[in-house]
């Protein structure tokens, strides 16, 4: 593999932070979607409030990224992910390695849908599945874990999981990302690790609501523990392994995202508890909170399969059906409890 450049697609806060981490070991090409933004970042050397490492070059050319980089990290919102891969695909070859950092789901519907059509597992794609559908790339992986962009930008100690069924993808991820303040672990369960990063955003929104309502650590501990169990049940239903959910990408990322005021999903929940509507809360955010879209997708899937993930279902009612955050909490607290753990 060429070790000359590594590519990052997406100059948001997380993409920028990863570009700077990669720059400790390699030269980096950071792609920005518009030419004007790319030019501004290249001139000022600042992206999303972060100073760029001298080894990071900013570009608006996907062809330049694919031509010069064998390993590429796509880090764009899930709503734009398929479109971004479609634009990149003409320049990709089977030798490329793509390790994405996007924590969301993509929906694909059949061309002809009956009136009573219900969403099912065949409609849902993770980002690695999108990459395989839209390009020639075979060696795909993802990075997930407690990777809050603001803390990464400050150089605080952190770690991530590179998940892939290909050992060489995990090895490349470790080689490129690992530094004295950034540890990297490997996991062959790509689907499970992707689902960890996706589902924990739901619980993070609920955590923000609890804080916004003025409740403390007992309530937060209750939510995180029951939220993890809900994540495991949903993850198993979608094809993930339990072991991934009790590792760094699962419980590690859940604790960080559900506890941090810098988390976008936590912030959305907090704003809702303070009386903002969903539209108002989203409008005040600088970047997308993936959990909002994930709640809608998982709710539809759960309904179609006849299962009821309590936290997700309640959040859907708060976001889309007018239930107040306080009423949502009251409903969850009054719901009859069952066995603490029954999946081991």
Foldseek 3Di string as FASTA:
>chain_A
DDQAEEEEEDLALQSQLQCQLLLVQYQYEYEDQDPVVQVVCQVVCATNRFRHDPSYHYDNDLLVNLVRHQEYEYEDEPVCLLVVLLVNAVNHDQSHEYAYAYQAKAFDDDPDADPPDFDALVGIDFSQRSNVVRHNYDHYWYKAFQCQSVCSSVLAAEEIEIEALDPVNLVVVQSRRDDPRYYYHYYPFRLQLSLQSHQLLLLLLLLLQCVLLPDDDVVLVVSLLLSLVLSQVLSVSNPTDNVSLPDRSHSRNSVNSNPDPSRLSSQLSNVLNPPDASVRSQVPDPDDSNNVVSLVNVVRHCVVVVHDSLSSVLVCCSRPVPDRSVVSVVVVVPPDDDDSDDPD
